[in-house]
Amino acid sequence: MGADKKIGLARGLTNYGDSDFSLYLRRSFAKSMGFSSEMLAKPVIGIADTGSGFNNCHRNMPELVEAVKRGVLAAGGLPLAFPTVSLGEVFLSPTSMMFRNLMSMDTEEMLRAQPMDAAVLIGGCDKTVPAQLMGMASADIPAVQLIVGPMMPNMFHGERLGACTDCRRFWGMHRAGKVDQAGIDEIEGNLAATAGTCAVMGTASTMASLAEALGMALPGTAAIPAVHADRLRAAEASGRRAVELAKNPIRPSQIITGKSVENALRVLLAIGGSTNAIVHLTAIAGRVGVNIDLNRLNVLSDTTPVLVDLKPTGQHYMSDLYAAGGLGAVLRELRPLLHLDCMTVSGQTLGERLDAEPGWVDRGVVKPFDAPYQKEGGLVALFGSLAPNGAILKRSAADPGLFEREGRVVVFTSLDDLAARIDTPELDVQPDDFLVLQNAGPKSGYAMPEAGYLPIPQKLARAGVKDMVRISDARMSGTAFGTIVLHVSPEAAVGGPLALVRDGDRIRLSVRERRIDLLVAEDELQRRRAQWKPPVETPSRGYARLYMQSVTQAEHGCDFAFLRRPAAPEKS
């Protein structure tokens, strides 16, 4: 029997020099778990269980695992759950981003090393879904992405609250002196009231939407709230579908293609999605040899309107999007712009999927293509002397009045410097200044945290200033808002132009021209460049050393260079 015909426990036998003995031994130990010979002869469906006491978003993981098992058993497979690294966004230091690639490696190797015919990977919190998509793309075994689902918003003093756009809004009010300590303590207990990921179109919900747009999650499953019974039914359906994939494989490499990645970019722009998604989608695409060109992002952005009225761009929550028709409603509006021949994990092409769906949609949440929420896409890439390799601005959540500006620079050289000085009364800062944070990128020692949402200096916040131009090589939470330039590349920690910015310099921002320029003479920059020194040394051991040696810049997805697949040569 050829290796490609082996199923279930006969796959990938441990090598003792005797394959028959290897299978005999494996089955013997499997039987110690109480399985019958009949069960052990079935196709094996692996279930990546990312539940963790350090990951609140995955609180519903046990229910989801059981529902997937139910679907697998009903379809004639053997479900075997296994743990992987789990990344709880707010529980990791220095940032969860540092460990996304580690989780992707764990996922890839466990998919490849353990005997399974197909898999269901369950994730939700910001970095877990991209890590799983990266891992499954590299392992390239049939797999279904299952999302844990967003939280439900919570009623509080007559208004609905949901982490984490509302948490930032109230924290800003607290810093401005409009909410006292007792008030912020009460709000703290009401922002995140159910299982699931952030209730808004943050990074978790964005990546859930992109998993469905890519075709790796079952149709209609991205927006189901974590606590809704439909979420469990989606889990059961995912398990059932995994068994079908084990029998008639469709691999991630057949689904994640240049065309499906472009579809995902269109969706990202139309939903007003997280800036983080550009980094994650670039990393996912890089695992199958597809490059994302930030210039192409701008072309797509100018022709893709924002259709979804959701926080932080709009006013609604993910549960409202689900009730309004889910991602399918968005895809139907975008249909003329999409590659409809892309295969999905359901076995249908995207066009076939949309043909089969009902047409109802709540226009209060999902706007029609010819009467959009905003006429242009949510994200733009900027280039110029400050960011030769690009930077990202979420214009859908920014103040258009700040889009064409030149400002004096106030520089913070690190996150520690920012924390120490941002609220000091003696800080020399005016409302028209540009705040610049250096050394917060991939190789900074902070591992590119969500620190790009620089706080408004307290003395300005208390004077009523609500937004300023803020620039850094860091990331920003998808739940955040403001006129914030992120992912400046090359980053300061490798000597990029951002490292050369000094207090009092001037920077020009033009969203219209897609430019961000440092207005300093070249001879002065050369003098500063000669004096520059790297801010941190490479760690001596462990994963931190591997990370610092291998992580790429933002325009390459901050993946490890050795994990990216070379792009296929273009056909002439």
Protein backbone atom coordinates (compact mmCIF):
# COMPACT_ATOMS: atom_id res chain seq x y z
CA MET A 1 0.00 0.00 0.00
CA GLY A 2 1.49 3.36 -1.02
CA ALA A 3 2.04 6.00 1.62
CA ASP A 4 -0.57 8.23 -0.05
CA LYS A 5 -3.25 5.51 0.45
CA LYS A 6 -2.71 5.15 4.18
CA ILE A 7 -5.37 6.64 6.43
CA GLY A 8 -5.78 7.43 10.09
CA LEU A 9 -3.33 5.87 12.49
CA ALA A 10 -1.38 4.28 9.62
CA ARG A 11 -0.16 7.71 8.53
CA GLY A 12 3.35 8.88 9.38
CA LEU A 13 4.44 5.90 11.43
CA THR A 14 7.10 6.32 14.05
CA ASN A 15 10.20 4.70 12.59
CA TYR A 16 11.48 1.68 14.48
CA GLY A 17 12.83 0.02 11.35
CA ASP A 18 9.74 -2.21 11.11
CA SER A 19 6.58 -0.54 9.83
CA ASP A 20 4.29 -3.39 10.81
CA PHE A 21 5.64 -3.25 14.36
CA SER A 22 5.23 0.55 14.36
CA LEU A 23 1.54 0.29 13.52
CA TYR A 24 1.02 -2.58 15.98
CA LEU A 25 2.64 -0.53 18.76
CA ARG A 26 0.70 2.61 17.91
CA ARG A 27 -2.61 0.77 17.94
CA SER A 28 -1.70 -0.93 21.21
CA PHE A 29 -1.15 2.35 22.95
CA ALA A 30 -4.23 3.90 21.31
CA LYS A 31 -6.27 1.06 22.78
CA SER A 32 -5.05 2.08 26.24
CA MET A 33 -7.37 5.07 25.77
CA GLY A 34 -10.33 2.73 25.36
CA PHE A 35 -10.76 2.86 21.58
CA SER A 36 -12.11 -0.17 19.77
CA SER A 37 -10.48 -1.65 16.68
CA GLU A 38 -13.46 -0.39 14.68
CA MET A 39 -12.89 3.22 15.79
CA LEU A 40 -9.16 3.02 15.17
CA ALA A 41 -9.79 2.02 11.56
CA LYS A 42 -11.65 5.27 10.79
CA PRO A 43 -10.20 8.46 9.28
CA VAL A 44 -8.59 10.54 12.02
CA ILE A 45 -9.60 14.19 12.38
CA GLY A 46 -7.24 16.24 14.51
CA ILE A 47 -8.77 19.06 16.55
CA ALA A 48 -6.40 21.85 17.60
CA ASP A 49 -7.57 22.81 21.09
CA THR A 50 -6.24 26.24 22.08
CA GLY A 51 -8.06 26.57 25.37
CA SER A 52 -5.97 28.15 28.12
CA GLY A 53 -6.43 29.74 31.52
CA PHE A 54 -4.41 32.62 30.08
CA ASN A 55 -6.79 33.16 27.14
CA ASN A 56 -10.17 34.58 28.14
CA CYS A 57 -11.31 34.74 24.50
CA HIS A 58 -11.21 30.94 24.32
CA ARG A 59 -13.39 30.33 27.37
CA ASN A 60 -15.88 28.42 25.21
CA MET A 61 -13.22 26.07 23.85
CA PRO A 62 -14.41 22.92 25.71
CA GLU A 63 -17.92 23.26 24.23
CA LEU A 64 -16.53 23.82 20.75
CA VAL A 65 -14.22 20.82 20.93
CA GLU A 66 -17.11 18.60 21.97
CA ALA A 67 -19.32 19.93 19.18
CA VAL A 68 -16.58 19.29 16.60
CA LYS A 69 -16.19 15.75 17.93
CA ARG A 70 -19.93 15.25 17.56
CA GLY A 71 -19.77 16.27 13.91
CA VAL A 72 -16.74 14.04 13.25
CA LEU A 73 -18.36 11.00 14.84
CA ALA A 74 -21.64 11.55 12.99
CA ALA A 75 -19.74 11.62 9.68
CA GLY A 76 -17.78 8.45 10.41
CA GLY A 77 -14.44 9.79 11.61
CA LEU A 78 -12.35 9.47 14.76
CA PRO A 79 -11.84 12.86 16.47
CA LEU A 80 -8.59 13.33 18.38
CA ALA A 81 -8.03 16.67 20.08
CA PHE A 82 -4.54 17.96 20.71
CA PRO A 83 -3.20 21.11 22.39
CA THR A 84 -1.03 23.77 20.85
CA VAL A 85 0.38 27.07 22.03
CA SER A 86 -2.44 29.49 22.89
CA LEU A 87 -1.97 33.26 22.75
CA GLY A 88 -4.11 35.40 25.04
CA GLU A 89 -3.66 38.95 23.77
CA VAL A 90 -3.46 40.80 27.07
CA PHE A 91 -1.66 38.11 29.07
CA LEU A 92 1.66 37.95 27.18
CA SER A 93 4.86 39.93 27.61
CA PRO A 94 6.31 41.73 25.78
CA THR A 95 3.46 41.16 23.29
CA SER A 96 1.51 38.30 21.74
CA MET A 97 2.96 39.26 18.35
CA MET A 98 6.33 37.87 19.39
CA PHE A 99 4.79 34.41 19.78
CA ARG A 100 2.53 34.27 16.71
CA ASN A 101 5.28 32.62 14.66
CA LEU A 102 5.98 30.16 17.48
CA MET A 103 2.32 29.14 17.53
CA SER A 104 2.35 28.80 13.75
CA MET A 105 5.37 26.48 13.97
CA ASP A 106 3.75 24.43 16.73
CA THR A 107 0.56 24.14 14.65
CA GLU A 108 2.41 23.22 11.45
CA GLU A 109 4.59 20.59 13.07
CA MET A 110 1.76 18.95 15.01
CA LEU A 111 -0.40 18.81 11.87
CA ARG A 112 2.45 17.19 9.99
CA ALA A 113 3.92 14.93 12.67
CA GLN A 114 0.73 13.40 14.10
CA PRO A 115 -1.38 10.91 12.13
CA MET A 116 -4.45 12.73 10.88
CA ASP A 117 -6.32 12.82 7.59
CA ALA A 118 -7.77 16.29 8.12
CA ALA A 119 -8.04 18.81 10.94
CA VAL A 120 -10.25 21.43 12.53
CA LEU A 121 -8.28 24.30 14.05
CA ILE A 122 -10.10 26.35 16.67
CA GLY A 123 -8.92 29.88 17.37
CA GLY A 124 -10.14 33.38 17.91
CA CYS A 125 -7.93 35.70 19.92
CA ASP A 126 -5.97 38.10 17.75
CA LYS A 127 -2.81 36.13 16.88
CA THR A 128 -4.26 32.61 17.13
CA VAL A 129 -6.20 32.60 13.85
CA PRO A 130 -3.33 33.98 11.75
CA ALA A 131 -0.94 31.56 13.45
CA GLN A 132 -3.23 28.64 12.63
CA LEU A 133 -3.75 29.77 9.04
CA MET A 134 0.02 30.15 8.64
CA GLY A 135 0.61 26.71 10.12
CA MET A 136 -2.06 24.95 8.06
CA ALA A 137 -0.85 26.67 4.88
CA SER A 138 2.65 25.34 5.48
CA ALA A 139 1.58 21.83 6.53
CA ASP A 140 -0.93 21.77 3.64
CA ILE A 141 -3.18 19.04 4.99
CA PRO A 142 -6.97 19.40 4.56
CA ALA A 143 -8.20 21.65 7.34
CA VAL A 144 -11.13 23.81 8.45
CA GLN A 145 -10.68 27.01 10.45
CA LEU A 146 -13.25 27.32 13.24
CA ILE A 147 -13.63 30.65 15.02
CA VAL A 148 -14.54 30.91 18.72
CA GLY A 149 -16.77 33.91 17.95
CA PRO A 150 -17.13 37.46 19.28
CA MET A 151 -18.51 38.53 22.64
CA MET A 152 -21.97 39.97 23.01
CA PRO A 153 -22.09 43.67 24.00
CA ASN A 154 -23.28 44.45 27.49
CA MET A 155 -25.89 47.00 28.60
CA PHE A 156 -24.45 49.54 31.03
CA HIS A 157 -26.14 52.73 32.21
CA GLY A 158 -28.39 52.82 29.17
CA GLU A 159 -25.77 52.13 26.48
CA ARG A 160 -24.20 49.04 24.98
CA LEU A 161 -20.53 48.42 25.75
CA GLY A 162 -18.11 46.04 24.11
CA ALA A 163 -14.42 45.46 24.42
CA CYS A 164 -12.31 47.08 23.37
CA THR A 165 -13.19 50.22 21.41
CA ASP A 166 -15.37 51.30 24.31
CA CYS A 167 -12.62 50.51 26.80
CA ARG A 168 -10.33 52.94 24.93
CA ARG A 169 -13.05 55.57 24.77
CA PHE A 170 -13.65 55.44 28.52
CA TRP A 171 -9.94 55.31 29.29
CA GLY A 172 -9.48 58.47 27.23
CA MET A 173 -12.27 60.11 29.23
CA HIS A 174 -10.59 58.96 32.45
CA ARG A 175 -7.27 60.48 31.36
CA ALA A 176 -9.08 63.69 30.49
CA GLY A 177 -10.59 63.84 33.99
CA LYS A 178 -14.17 63.19 32.83
CA VAL A 179 -14.49 59.76 34.50
CA ASP A 180 -13.21 59.35 38.05
CA GLN A 181 -11.49 56.30 39.55
CA ALA A 182 -14.70 54.81 40.93
CA GLY A 183 -16.32 55.21 37.52
CA ILE A 184 -13.50 53.56 35.62
CA ASP A 185 -13.47 50.69 38.13
CA GLU A 186 -17.18 50.11 37.50
CA ILE A 187 -16.72 50.26 33.71
CA GLU A 188 -13.86 47.75 33.97
CA GLY A 189 -16.32 45.10 35.14
CA ASN A 190 -18.79 45.73 32.33
CA LEU A 191 -16.72 45.87 29.14
CA ALA A 192 -16.22 42.14 28.56
CA ALA A 193 -19.18 40.23 29.94
CA THR A 194 -19.29 36.99 27.90
CA ALA A 195 -17.00 34.41 26.36
CA GLY A 196 -15.48 35.30 23.01
CA THR A 197 -13.28 37.83 21.28
CA CYS A 198 -13.72 41.60 21.23
CA ALA A 199 -17.25 42.56 20.22
CA VAL A 200 -16.12 45.10 17.62
CA MET A 201 -14.30 44.88 14.27
CA GLY A 202 -10.94 44.53 15.99
CA THR A 203 -8.16 42.23 14.89
CA ALA A 204 -9.91 39.05 16.08
CA SER A 205 -13.13 39.79 14.19
CA THR A 206 -11.17 41.01 11.17
CA MET A 207 -9.15 37.79 10.99
CA ALA A 208 -12.32 35.73 11.47
CA SER A 209 -13.82 37.58 8.51
CA LEU A 210 -10.68 37.07 6.42
CA ALA A 211 -10.58 33.35 7.24
CA GLU A 212 -14.06 33.09 5.73
CA ALA A 213 -13.18 35.40 2.83
CA LEU A 214 -10.11 33.30 2.01
CA GLY A 215 -12.33 30.21 1.98
CA MET A 216 -10.72 28.45 4.96
CA ALA A 217 -13.74 28.76 7.31
CA LEU A 218 -17.20 27.46 6.46
CA PRO A 219 -19.56 30.00 4.87
CA GLY A 220 -21.48 32.11 7.35
CA THR A 221 -19.38 31.22 10.40
CA ALA A 222 -17.17 34.29 10.91
CA ALA A 223 -19.56 36.54 12.81
CA ILE A 224 -21.60 34.09 14.95
CA PRO A 225 -21.40 35.26 18.58
CA ALA A 226 -19.47 32.96 20.90
CA VAL A 227 -22.49 32.33 23.13
CA HIS A 228 -24.99 31.70 20.30
CA ALA A 229 -26.20 28.14 19.70
CA ASP A 230 -25.31 28.63 16.03
CA ARG A 231 -21.65 28.73 17.09
CA LEU A 232 -21.93 25.15 18.33
CA ARG A 233 -23.76 24.12 15.19
CA ALA A 234 -20.92 25.68 13.18
CA ALA A 235 -18.46 23.60 15.18
CA GLU A 236 -20.43 20.43 14.48
CA ALA A 237 -20.59 21.29 10.78
CA SER A 238 -16.85 21.94 10.74
CA GLY A 239 -16.19 18.48 12.18
CA ARG A 240 -18.50 16.88 9.66
CA ARG A 241 -16.85 18.77 6.80
CA ALA A 242 -13.37 17.72 7.96
CA VAL A 243 -14.35 14.05 7.53
CA GLU A 244 -15.53 14.79 3.99
CA LEU A 245 -12.19 16.51 3.31
CA ALA A 246 -10.36 13.45 4.62
CA LYS A 247 -12.11 11.37 1.97
CA ASN A 248 -11.95 13.96 -0.85
CA PRO A 249 -9.09 16.31 0.03
CA ILE A 250 -9.03 20.02 -0.74
CA ARG A 251 -5.76 21.40 0.58
CA PRO A 252 -5.03 24.92 1.86
CA SER A 253 -2.71 25.46 -1.11
CA GLN A 254 -5.74 25.04 -3.39
CA ILE A 255 -7.71 27.63 -1.39
CA ILE A 256 -5.15 30.25 -0.36
CA THR A 257 -4.06 31.65 -3.72
CA GLY A 258 -3.23 35.03 -5.20
CA LYS A 259 -6.88 35.47 -6.17
CA SER A 260 -8.32 34.51 -2.78
CA VAL A 261 -5.79 36.76 -1.02
CA GLU A 262 -6.98 39.66 -3.18
CA ASN A 263 -10.57 38.77 -2.25
CA ALA A 264 -9.55 38.92 1.40
CA LEU A 265 -7.94 42.33 0.88
CA ARG A 266 -11.19 43.60 -0.65
CA VAL A 267 -13.12 42.33 2.37
CA LEU A 268 -10.59 43.85 4.77
CA LEU A 269 -11.10 47.24 3.17
CA ALA A 270 -14.89 46.92 3.00
CA ILE A 271 -15.32 45.99 6.67
CA GLY A 272 -13.06 48.78 7.95
CA GLY A 273 -10.87 46.05 9.38
CA SER A 274 -7.80 46.11 11.58
CA THR A 275 -4.42 47.41 10.42
CA ASN A 276 -2.94 44.27 11.98
CA ALA A 277 -4.63 42.22 9.29
CA ILE A 278 -2.23 43.55 6.65
CA VAL A 279 0.70 42.09 8.59
CA HIS A 280 -1.11 38.80 9.26
CA LEU A 281 -2.51 38.35 5.76
CA THR A 282 0.94 39.09 4.31
CA ALA A 283 2.41 36.36 6.53
CA ILE A 284 -0.31 33.85 5.58
CA ALA A 285 0.09 34.60 1.88
CA GLY A 286 3.86 34.34 2.21
CA ARG A 287 3.51 30.75 3.38
CA VAL A 288 2.11 29.81 -0.05
CA GLY A 289 4.45 32.02 -2.08
CA VAL A 290 2.03 34.91 -2.63
CA ASN A 291 3.34 38.45 -2.15
CA ILE A 292 1.16 41.37 -1.07
CA ASP A 293 2.25 44.65 -2.67
CA LEU A 294 1.30 47.71 -0.60
CA ASN A 295 0.96 49.71 -3.82
CA ARG A 296 -1.67 47.21 -4.92
CA LEU A 297 -3.40 47.71 -1.55
CA ASN A 298 -3.80 51.39 -2.43
CA VAL A 299 -5.32 50.55 -5.80
CA LEU A 300 -7.81 48.23 -4.15
CA SER A 301 -8.54 50.74 -1.40
CA ASP A 302 -9.47 53.44 -3.87
CA THR A 303 -12.00 51.13 -5.54
CA THR A 304 -13.42 49.31 -2.50
CA PRO A 305 -15.86 51.27 -0.31
CA VAL A 306 -16.39 50.70 3.40
CA LEU A 307 -19.75 48.92 3.61
CA VAL A 308 -20.01 47.93 7.28
CA ASP A 309 -21.08 50.33 10.05
CA LEU A 310 -19.20 48.72 12.95
CA LYS A 311 -17.00 50.06 15.73
CA PRO A 312 -14.33 51.40 15.68
CA THR A 313 -15.16 52.81 12.23
CA GLY A 314 -18.92 53.00 12.87
CA GLN A 315 -21.38 52.31 15.69
CA HIS A 316 -22.51 48.67 15.66
CA TYR A 317 -21.07 45.41 17.03
CA MET A 318 -20.24 41.99 15.57
CA SER A 319 -23.46 40.49 16.87
CA ASP A 320 -25.28 43.11 14.80
CA LEU A 321 -23.32 42.07 11.71
CA TYR A 322 -24.32 38.45 12.27
CA ALA A 323 -27.98 39.41 12.63
CA ALA A 324 -27.67 41.62 9.53
CA GLY A 325 -26.61 38.77 7.26
CA GLY A 326 -23.01 38.12 8.28
CA LEU A 327 -20.02 38.27 6.00
CA GLY A 328 -22.11 36.80 3.20
CA ALA A 329 -24.01 40.08 2.99
CA VAL A 330 -20.72 41.93 2.53
CA LEU A 331 -19.46 39.45 -0.07
CA ARG A 332 -22.65 39.79 -2.11
CA GLU A 333 -22.19 43.57 -2.28
CA LEU A 334 -18.57 43.13 -3.32
CA ARG A 335 -19.40 40.45 -5.86
CA PRO A 336 -18.48 42.49 -8.98
CA LEU A 337 -14.99 43.02 -7.53
CA LEU A 338 -14.28 39.45 -6.39
CA HIS A 339 -12.66 36.45 -8.01
CA LEU A 340 -15.68 34.14 -7.91
CA ASP A 341 -13.82 31.05 -9.17
CA CYS A 342 -11.84 30.70 -5.92
CA MET A 343 -12.33 27.34 -4.21
CA THR A 344 -13.51 27.27 -0.59
CA VAL A 345 -13.21 24.65 2.11
CA SER A 346 -16.92 23.89 1.65
CA GLY A 347 -16.17 22.39 -1.76
CA GLN A 348 -17.96 25.23 -3.53
CA THR A 349 -16.40 28.11 -5.39
CA LEU A 350 -17.07 31.53 -3.93
CA GLY A 351 -19.50 32.22 -6.78
CA GLU A 352 -21.41 29.01 -6.12
CA ARG A 353 -21.61 29.89 -2.45
CA LEU A 354 -23.03 33.35 -3.14
CA ASP A 355 -25.51 31.98 -5.68
CA ALA A 356 -26.93 29.67 -3.03
CA GLU A 357 -27.36 32.26 -0.26
CA PRO A 358 -30.50 34.22 0.59
CA GLY A 359 -30.45 37.88 -0.25
CA TRP A 360 -31.78 39.50 2.96
CA VAL A 361 -29.58 42.08 4.63
CA ASP A 362 -30.05 44.74 7.30
CA ARG A 363 -29.05 47.96 5.56
CA GLY A 364 -28.55 49.69 8.88
CA VAL A 365 -25.40 47.62 9.32
CA VAL A 366 -24.29 46.55 5.82
CA LYS A 367 -24.65 49.34 3.30
CA PRO A 368 -25.26 48.83 -0.43
CA PHE A 369 -22.29 49.11 -2.76
CA ASP A 370 -23.71 52.19 -4.50
CA ALA A 371 -24.52 53.95 -1.19
CA PRO A 372 -21.60 52.92 1.06
CA TYR A 373 -20.77 53.90 4.61
CA GLN A 374 -17.56 55.47 3.28
CA LYS A 375 -16.66 55.82 -0.39
CA GLU A 376 -13.09 54.54 -0.08
CA GLY A 377 -11.49 51.56 1.66
CA GLY A 378 -10.54 51.65 5.30
CA LEU A 379 -6.73 51.34 4.94
CA VAL A 380 -4.06 53.09 2.91
CA ALA A 381 -0.32 52.54 2.55
CA LEU A 382 2.00 55.55 2.77
CA PHE A 383 5.48 55.87 1.30
CA GLY A 384 8.13 58.58 1.40
CA SER A 385 11.44 59.50 2.96
CA LEU A 386 10.23 58.50 6.44
CA ALA A 387 8.85 55.12 5.28
CA PRO A 388 10.67 53.96 2.11
CA ASN A 389 9.18 50.46 2.45
CA GLY A 390 5.76 51.64 3.53
CA ALA A 391 3.52 52.48 6.47
CA ILE A 392 -0.19 51.97 7.15
CA LEU A 393 -2.97 54.39 8.10
CA LYS A 394 -6.53 53.37 8.97
CA ARG A 395 -8.29 56.30 7.37
CA SER A 396 -11.76 54.97 8.13
CA ALA A 397 -11.12 55.48 11.86
CA ALA A 398 -9.13 58.73 11.54
CA ASP A 399 -9.89 62.47 11.39
CA PRO A 400 -9.89 63.62 7.74
CA GLY A 401 -9.00 67.10 8.97
CA LEU A 402 -5.52 65.80 9.80
CA PHE A 403 -4.89 64.03 6.48
CA GLU A 404 -3.01 66.87 4.76
CA ARG A 405 -0.71 68.32 7.40
CA GLU A 406 2.82 69.34 8.22
CA GLY A 407 3.82 69.35 11.86
CA ARG A 408 6.61 69.82 14.35
CA VAL A 409 7.80 66.55 15.85
CA VAL A 410 7.80 65.47 19.49
CA VAL A 411 9.89 62.29 19.76
CA PHE A 412 9.75 59.44 22.24
CA THR A 413 12.74 57.14 21.84
CA SER A 414 11.16 54.04 23.38
CA LEU A 415 8.05 52.80 25.15
CA ASP A 416 9.73 53.44 28.48
CA ASP A 417 10.46 57.01 27.43
CA LEU A 418 6.83 57.42 26.31
CA ALA A 419 5.50 56.14 29.64
CA ALA A 420 7.84 58.38 31.59
CA ARG A 421 7.18 61.67 29.79
CA ILE A 422 3.81 61.67 27.98
CA ASP A 423 1.88 63.11 30.94
CA THR A 424 4.54 65.36 32.44
CA PRO A 425 3.45 69.01 32.69
CA GLU A 426 6.77 70.18 31.25
CA LEU A 427 6.39 68.20 28.00
CA ASP A 428 6.81 70.69 25.14
CA VAL A 429 3.83 69.73 22.97
CA GLN A 430 1.09 71.57 21.10
CA PRO A 431 -2.14 70.21 19.53
CA ASP A 432 -0.73 70.61 15.99
CA ASP A 433 2.46 68.66 16.74
CA PHE A 434 3.15 65.14 15.46
CA LEU A 435 3.92 62.55 18.15
CA VAL A 436 6.61 60.07 17.05
CA LEU A 437 7.47 56.82 18.82
CA GLN A 438 10.74 55.11 17.89
CA ASN A 439 12.01 51.60 18.59
CA ALA A 440 8.72 49.74 18.90
CA GLY A 441 9.00 47.60 15.76
CA PRO A 442 9.70 43.89 15.22
CA LYS A 443 13.38 43.99 16.26
CA SER A 444 13.07 46.66 18.95
CA GLY A 445 13.13 44.33 21.93
CA TYR A 446 9.43 45.07 22.44
CA ALA A 447 8.50 42.85 19.42
CA MET A 448 6.13 45.32 17.75
CA PRO A 449 3.41 45.73 20.41
CA GLU A 450 0.08 47.48 19.93
CA ALA A 451 1.63 50.71 21.18
CA GLY A 452 1.02 52.84 18.10
CA TYR A 453 -2.12 54.23 19.75
CA LEU A 454 -0.04 56.83 21.59
CA PRO A 455 -2.12 58.51 24.27
CA ILE A 456 -2.95 62.18 23.87
CA PRO A 457 -0.69 64.00 26.38
CA GLN A 458 -2.72 64.50 29.51
CA LYS A 459 -2.51 68.27 29.51
CA LEU A 460 -3.86 68.35 25.94
CA ALA A 461 -6.54 65.73 26.66
CA ARG A 462 -7.81 67.81 29.55
CA ALA A 463 -7.91 70.81 27.25
CA GLY A 464 -10.23 68.92 24.91
CA VAL A 465 -7.80 67.58 22.28
CA LYS A 466 -9.17 64.26 20.98
CA ASP A 467 -6.83 63.40 18.09
CA MET A 468 -3.32 64.13 16.88
CA VAL A 469 -1.10 62.71 14.16
CA ARG A 470 0.84 59.88 15.76
CA ILE A 471 3.60 57.94 13.98
CA SER A 472 5.51 54.79 14.92
CA ASP A 473 6.94 51.46 13.79
CA ALA A 474 4.56 49.73 16.22
CA ARG A 475 1.13 48.19 15.60
CA MET A 476 -2.26 49.35 16.84
CA SER A 477 -5.14 47.34 18.21
CA GLY A 478 -7.87 46.83 15.65
CA THR A 479 -10.24 48.23 18.25
CA ALA A 480 -8.43 51.60 18.33
CA PHE A 481 -9.10 54.79 16.39
CA GLY A 482 -7.35 58.05 15.51
CA THR A 483 -5.01 59.54 12.91
CA ILE A 484 -2.23 57.06 13.48
CA VAL A 485 0.56 56.04 11.09
CA LEU A 486 1.83 52.54 11.84
CA HIS A 487 4.28 49.85 10.69
CA VAL A 488 6.83 52.44 9.48
CA SER A 489 9.47 50.44 7.59
CA PRO A 490 12.36 50.02 7.85
CA GLU A 491 11.88 50.27 11.60
CA ALA A 492 14.00 52.41 13.89
CA ALA A 493 15.72 49.42 15.53
CA VAL A 494 17.44 48.48 12.25
CA GLY A 495 18.45 52.05 11.47
CA GLY A 496 15.51 53.09 9.28
CA PRO A 497 14.79 56.78 8.74
CA LEU A 498 12.46 56.77 11.75
CA ALA A 499 15.53 56.27 13.95
CA LEU A 500 16.94 59.59 12.71
CA VAL A 501 13.98 61.79 13.70
CA ARG A 502 14.68 64.37 16.40
CA ASP A 503 12.55 66.77 18.48
CA GLY A 504 11.70 69.86 16.48
CA ASP A 505 12.01 68.23 13.05
CA ARG A 506 9.09 68.59 10.69
CA ILE A 507 7.15 65.82 8.98
CA ARG A 508 4.66 66.18 6.13
CA LEU A 509 1.69 63.81 5.89
CA SER A 510 -0.43 63.61 2.74
CA VAL A 511 -3.02 60.85 2.64
CA ARG A 512 -4.13 62.15 -0.76
CA GLU A 513 -0.63 61.66 -2.19
CA ARG A 514 0.03 58.53 -0.07
CA ARG A 515 3.18 60.11 1.33
CA ILE A 516 4.89 60.67 4.64
CA ASP A 517 8.17 62.59 4.49
CA LEU A 518 10.80 63.70 6.99
CA LEU A 519 11.71 67.30 6.09
CA VAL A 520 15.39 67.22 7.10
CA ALA A 521 18.36 67.92 4.83
CA GLU A 522 20.26 64.87 3.60
CA ASP A 523 23.60 66.03 5.00
CA GLU A 524 22.05 66.32 8.47
CA LEU A 525 20.54 62.83 8.13
CA GLN A 526 23.95 61.47 7.13
CA ARG A 527 25.47 63.01 10.26
CA ARG A 528 22.76 61.43 12.45
CA ARG A 529 23.12 58.11 10.67
CA ALA A 530 26.84 57.99 11.46
CA GLN A 531 26.04 58.43 15.16
CA TRP A 532 23.25 55.84 15.30
CA LYS A 533 23.65 52.63 17.32
CA PRO A 534 21.26 49.65 17.56
CA PRO A 535 19.03 50.04 20.64
CA VAL A 536 19.19 46.37 21.74
CA GLU A 537 21.48 43.37 21.43
CA THR A 538 20.37 40.01 20.11
CA PRO A 539 19.45 37.73 23.04
CA SER A 540 21.94 34.96 23.77
CA ARG A 541 19.54 32.02 23.78
CA GLY A 542 16.09 30.56 23.33
CA TYR A 543 13.13 31.58 21.25
CA ALA A 544 13.94 35.28 21.76
CA ARG A 545 17.23 34.74 19.91
CA LEU A 546 15.53 32.85 17.06
CA TYR A 547 12.94 35.60 16.82
CA MET A 548 15.45 38.46 16.67
CA GLN A 549 17.63 36.68 14.14
CA SER A 550 14.79 35.65 11.82
CA VAL A 551 11.86 38.08 12.00
CA THR A 552 11.20 40.14 8.88
CA GLN A 553 9.89 43.68 8.55
CA ALA A 554 6.20 44.57 8.47
CA GLU A 555 5.90 44.54 4.67
CA HIS A 556 6.88 40.85 4.76
CA GLY A 557 4.41 40.02 7.52
CA CYS A 558 6.90 39.88 10.42
CA ASP A 559 7.17 36.16 9.68
CA PHE A 560 10.43 34.28 10.01
CA ALA A 561 12.31 34.48 6.75
CA PHE A 562 12.95 30.73 6.68
CA LEU A 563 9.22 29.95 6.92
CA ARG A 564 8.19 31.97 3.87
CA ARG A 565 7.84 30.14 0.58
CA PRO A 566 9.55 31.80 -2.39
CA ALA A 567 7.09 33.40 -4.76
CA ALA A 568 6.47 31.51 -7.97
CA PRO A 569 7.94 33.24 -11.04
CA GLU A 570 5.41 35.30 -12.96
CA LYS A 571 4.23 33.81 -16.22
CA SER A 572 5.25 35.77 -19.28
